[in-house]
Every structure is written in C-alpha cells, then in structure tokens.
C-alpha cells in the first residue's frame, strides 16, 4: 500500500510526497547521521594517536607523511589508482577553502 501525502506550501500549491519516498528520505538522513558520527569518532581516534606520537617524540612532519601514505594506500586498495588520483587533484582547492583546518588547543 502506498500512502500519498501533500505538503502544502504557505504561498500556495503543494508538493505530493509518497510515503515510500518520505520514508526513504528519512532513512537516507539517518544513514548520513550515522556516517557523520563514525567520521567524528574516527577523527577523534586519529587526533588522540597523533597527540600521543608527538608526545613520544615523533616529528609532526614524519607523522603527517606516514598518515598520508597509510590513508592513500588504503584508498588505492579500496577504490583504485584512478579514483584516488582524481581525489588528489581536488585537494588543493579543498585545502585553500580551509576544509582541513582544525581549531586545536595546544597545551
């Protein structure tokens, strides 16, 4: 059974939404929220490991290169060289847009 909902726009007109579409949209948003939380947790683990390595005397530049190698080699294994090369081509613009800039408190 498919239920039809009509979302009324205050300025007039309406948008027909079938219940299956609405349910699908909700499930998609929930999946996005789960993925966002997993990314937050993963970044938290990486920052913790990074801070521990720095405290143990590993230079941040060496750590950064090792982390980039680990990340890129994992992505290549999963998606292949061409896909990862495409990702790398977009990195300069993303870096300039401060996408990777973190606000961190140094103690």
C-alpha atoms as a PDB file:
ATOM      1  CA  UNK A   1       0.000   0.000   0.000  1.00  0.00           C
ATOM      2  CA  UNK A   2       1.326   3.436  -0.908  1.00  0.00           C
ATOM      3  CA  UNK A   3       0.103   6.462   1.027  1.00  0.00           C
ATOM      4  CA  UNK A   4       0.169   9.863  -0.631  1.00  0.00           C
ATOM      5  CA  UNK A   5       0.959  12.953   1.421  1.00  0.00           C
ATOM      6  CA  UNK A   6       0.540  16.504   0.213  1.00  0.00           C
ATOM      7  CA  UNK A   7       2.873  19.097   1.720  1.00  0.00           C
ATOM      8  CA  UNK A   8       1.142  22.462   1.445  1.00  0.00           C
ATOM      9  CA  UNK A   9       3.308  25.448   0.649  1.00  0.00           C
ATOM     10  CA  UNK A  10       2.176  28.614   2.541  1.00  0.00           C
ATOM     11  CA  UNK A  11       2.456  30.636  -0.674  1.00  0.00           C
ATOM     12  CA  UNK A  12       0.162  28.259  -2.491  1.00  0.00           C
ATOM     13  CA  UNK A  13       0.424  24.952  -4.230  1.00  0.00           C
ATOM     14  CA  UNK A  14       1.549  21.702  -2.781  1.00  0.00           C
ATOM     15  CA  UNK A  15       4.131  19.012  -3.144  1.00  0.00           C
ATOM     16  CA  UNK A  16       2.985  15.421  -3.452  1.00  0.00           C
ATOM     17  CA  UNK A  17       5.144  13.031  -1.472  1.00  0.00           C
ATOM     18  CA  UNK A  18       4.504   9.336  -1.493  1.00  0.00           C
ATOM     19  CA  UNK A  19       5.039   7.688   1.865  1.00  0.00           C
ATOM     20  CA  UNK A  20       7.658   5.372   0.381  1.00  0.00           C
ATOM     21  CA  UNK A  21       9.660   8.422  -0.756  1.00  0.00           C
ATOM     22  CA  UNK A  22       9.308  10.150   2.619  1.00  0.00           C
ATOM     23  CA  UNK A  23      10.402   7.005   4.422  1.00  0.00           C
ATOM     24  CA  UNK A  24      13.342   6.662   2.049  1.00  0.00           C
ATOM     25  CA  UNK A  25      14.383  10.267   2.662  1.00  0.00           C
ATOM     26  CA  UNK A  26      14.256   9.729   6.421  1.00  0.00           C
ATOM     27  CA  UNK A  27      16.329   6.560   6.144  1.00  0.00           C
ATOM     28  CA  UNK A  28      18.866   8.425   3.996  1.00  0.00           C
ATOM     29  CA  UNK A  29      19.150  11.218   6.578  1.00  0.00           C
ATOM     30  CA  UNK A  30      19.590   8.645   9.350  1.00  0.00           C
ATOM     31  CA  UNK A  31      22.330   6.900   7.336  1.00  0.00           C
ATOM     32  CA  UNK A  32      24.050  10.258   6.802  1.00  0.00           C
ATOM     33  CA  UNK A  33      23.892  10.939  10.539  1.00  0.00           C
ATOM     34  CA  UNK A  34      25.413   7.522  11.322  1.00  0.00           C
ATOM     35  CA  UNK A  35      28.212   8.116   8.808  1.00  0.00           C
ATOM     36  CA  UNK A  36      28.878  11.611  10.206  1.00  0.00           C
ATOM     37  CA  UNK A  37      29.129  10.184  13.731  1.00  0.00           C
ATOM     38  CA  UNK A  38      31.518   7.448  12.563  1.00  0.00           C
ATOM     39  CA  UNK A  39      33.687  10.102  10.880  1.00  0.00           C
ATOM     40  CA  UNK A  40      33.704  12.163  14.077  1.00  0.00           C
ATOM     41  CA  UNK A  41      34.742   9.146  16.156  1.00  0.00           C
ATOM     42  CA  UNK A  42      37.427   8.134  13.642  1.00  0.00           C
ATOM     43  CA  UNK A  43      38.887  11.647  13.617  1.00  0.00           C
ATOM     44  CA  UNK A  44      38.865  11.672  17.414  1.00  0.00           C
ATOM     45  CA  UNK A  45      40.880   8.422  17.484  1.00  0.00           C
ATOM     46  CA  UNK A  46      43.349   9.741  14.928  1.00  0.00           C
ATOM     47  CA  UNK A  47      43.873  13.009  16.795  1.00  0.00           C
ATOM     48  CA  UNK A  48      44.432  11.087  20.037  1.00  0.00           C
ATOM     49  CA  UNK A  49      47.004   8.795  18.370  1.00  0.00           C
ATOM     50  CA  UNK A  50      48.629  11.806  16.715  1.00  0.00           C
ATOM     51  CA  UNK A  51      48.975  13.630  20.042  1.00  0.00           C
ATOM     52  CA  UNK A  52      50.438  10.515  21.677  1.00  0.00           C
ATOM     53  CA  UNK A  53      53.002  10.109  18.899  1.00  0.00           C
ATOM     54  CA  UNK A  54      54.007  13.772  19.215  1.00  0.00           C
ATOM     55  CA  UNK A  55      54.359  13.306  22.987  1.00  0.00           C
ATOM     56  CA  UNK A  56      56.643  10.317  22.306  1.00  0.00           C
ATOM     57  CA  UNK A  57      58.915  12.498  20.164  1.00  0.00           C
ATOM     58  CA  UNK A  58      57.765  11.696  16.635  1.00  0.00           C
ATOM     59  CA  UNK A  59      58.153  14.797  14.465  1.00  0.00           C
ATOM     60  CA  UNK A  60      54.831  16.043  13.132  1.00  0.00           C
ATOM     61  CA  UNK A  61      56.144  16.144   9.542  1.00  0.00           C
ATOM     62  CA  UNK A  62      57.169  12.469   9.724  1.00  0.00           C
ATOM     63  CA  UNK A  63      53.849  11.571  11.282  1.00  0.00           C
ATOM     64  CA  UNK A  64      51.960  13.514   8.601  1.00  0.00           C
ATOM     65  CA  UNK A  65      53.779  11.741   5.767  1.00  0.00           C
ATOM     66  CA  UNK A  66      53.180   8.345   7.376  1.00  0.00           C
ATOM     67  CA  UNK A  67      49.484   9.153   7.865  1.00  0.00           C
ATOM     68  CA  UNK A  68      49.124  10.339   4.253  1.00  0.00           C
ATOM     69  CA  UNK A  69      50.840   7.194   2.983  1.00  0.00           C
ATOM     70  CA  UNK A  70      48.606   4.966   5.109  1.00  0.00           C
ATOM     71  CA  UNK A  71      45.448   6.810   4.025  1.00  0.00           C
ATOM     72  CA  UNK A  72      46.304   6.951   0.322  1.00  0.00           C
ATOM     73  CA  UNK A  73      47.447   3.325   0.134  1.00  0.00           C
ATOM     74  CA  UNK A  74      44.218   2.214   1.832  1.00  0.00           C
ATOM     75  CA  UNK A  75      42.133   4.293  -0.588  1.00  0.00           C
ATOM     76  CA  UNK A  76      44.059   2.904  -3.583  1.00  0.00           C
ATOM     77  CA  UNK A  77      43.432  -0.640  -2.352  1.00  0.00           C
ATOM     78  CA  UNK A  78      39.724   0.113  -1.975  1.00  0.00           C
ATOM     79  CA  UNK A  79      38.999   2.357  -4.994  1.00  0.00           C
ATOM     80  CA  UNK A  80      41.976   2.053  -7.357  1.00  0.00           C
ATOM     81  CA  UNK A  81      44.650   4.458  -8.550  1.00  0.00           C
ATOM     82  CA  UNK A  82      42.475   6.485 -10.949  1.00  0.00           C
ATOM     83  CA  UNK A  83      39.817   7.280  -8.351  1.00  0.00           C
ATOM     84  CA  UNK A  84      42.413   8.283  -5.751  1.00  0.00           C
ATOM     85  CA  UNK A  85      44.287  10.397  -8.320  1.00  0.00           C
ATOM     86  CA  UNK A  86      41.003  12.214  -9.007  1.00  0.00           C
ATOM     87  CA  UNK A  87      40.581  12.830  -5.288  1.00  0.00           C
ATOM     88  CA  UNK A  88      44.150  14.133  -5.048  1.00  0.00           C
ATOM     89  CA  UNK A  89      43.572  16.536  -7.966  1.00  0.00           C
ATOM     90  CA  UNK A  90      40.807  18.244  -5.965  1.00  0.00           C
ATOM     91  CA  UNK A  91      42.861  18.574  -2.777  1.00  0.00           C
ATOM     92  CA  UNK A  92      44.491  21.983  -3.487  1.00  0.00           C
ATOM     93  CA  UNK A  93      41.116  23.732  -3.762  1.00  0.00           C
ATOM     94  CA  UNK A  94      39.802  21.959  -0.663  1.00  0.00           C
ATOM     95  CA  UNK A  95      42.934  22.909   1.302  1.00  0.00           C
ATOM     96  CA  UNK A  96      42.661  26.550   0.224  1.00  0.00           C
ATOM     97  CA  UNK A  97      38.997  26.502   1.287  1.00  0.00           C
ATOM     98  CA  UNK A  98      40.165  25.570   4.815  1.00  0.00           C
ATOM     99  CA  UNK A  99      38.349  22.238   4.665  1.00  0.00           C
ATOM    100  CA  UNK A 100      41.198  20.611   6.591  1.00  0.00           C
ATOM    101  CA  UNK A 101      41.891  23.423   9.040  1.00  0.00           C
ATOM    102  CA  UNK A 102      41.242  22.340  12.609  1.00  0.00           C
ATOM    103  CA  UNK A 103      40.896  24.554  15.617  1.00  0.00           C
ATOM    104  CA  UNK A 104      43.116  22.812  18.143  1.00  0.00           C
ATOM    105  CA  UNK A 105      44.218  23.963  21.561  1.00  0.00           C
ATOM    106  CA  UNK A 106      47.918  23.396  22.149  1.00  0.00           C
ATOM    107  CA  UNK A 107      48.893  22.946  25.796  1.00  0.00           C
END
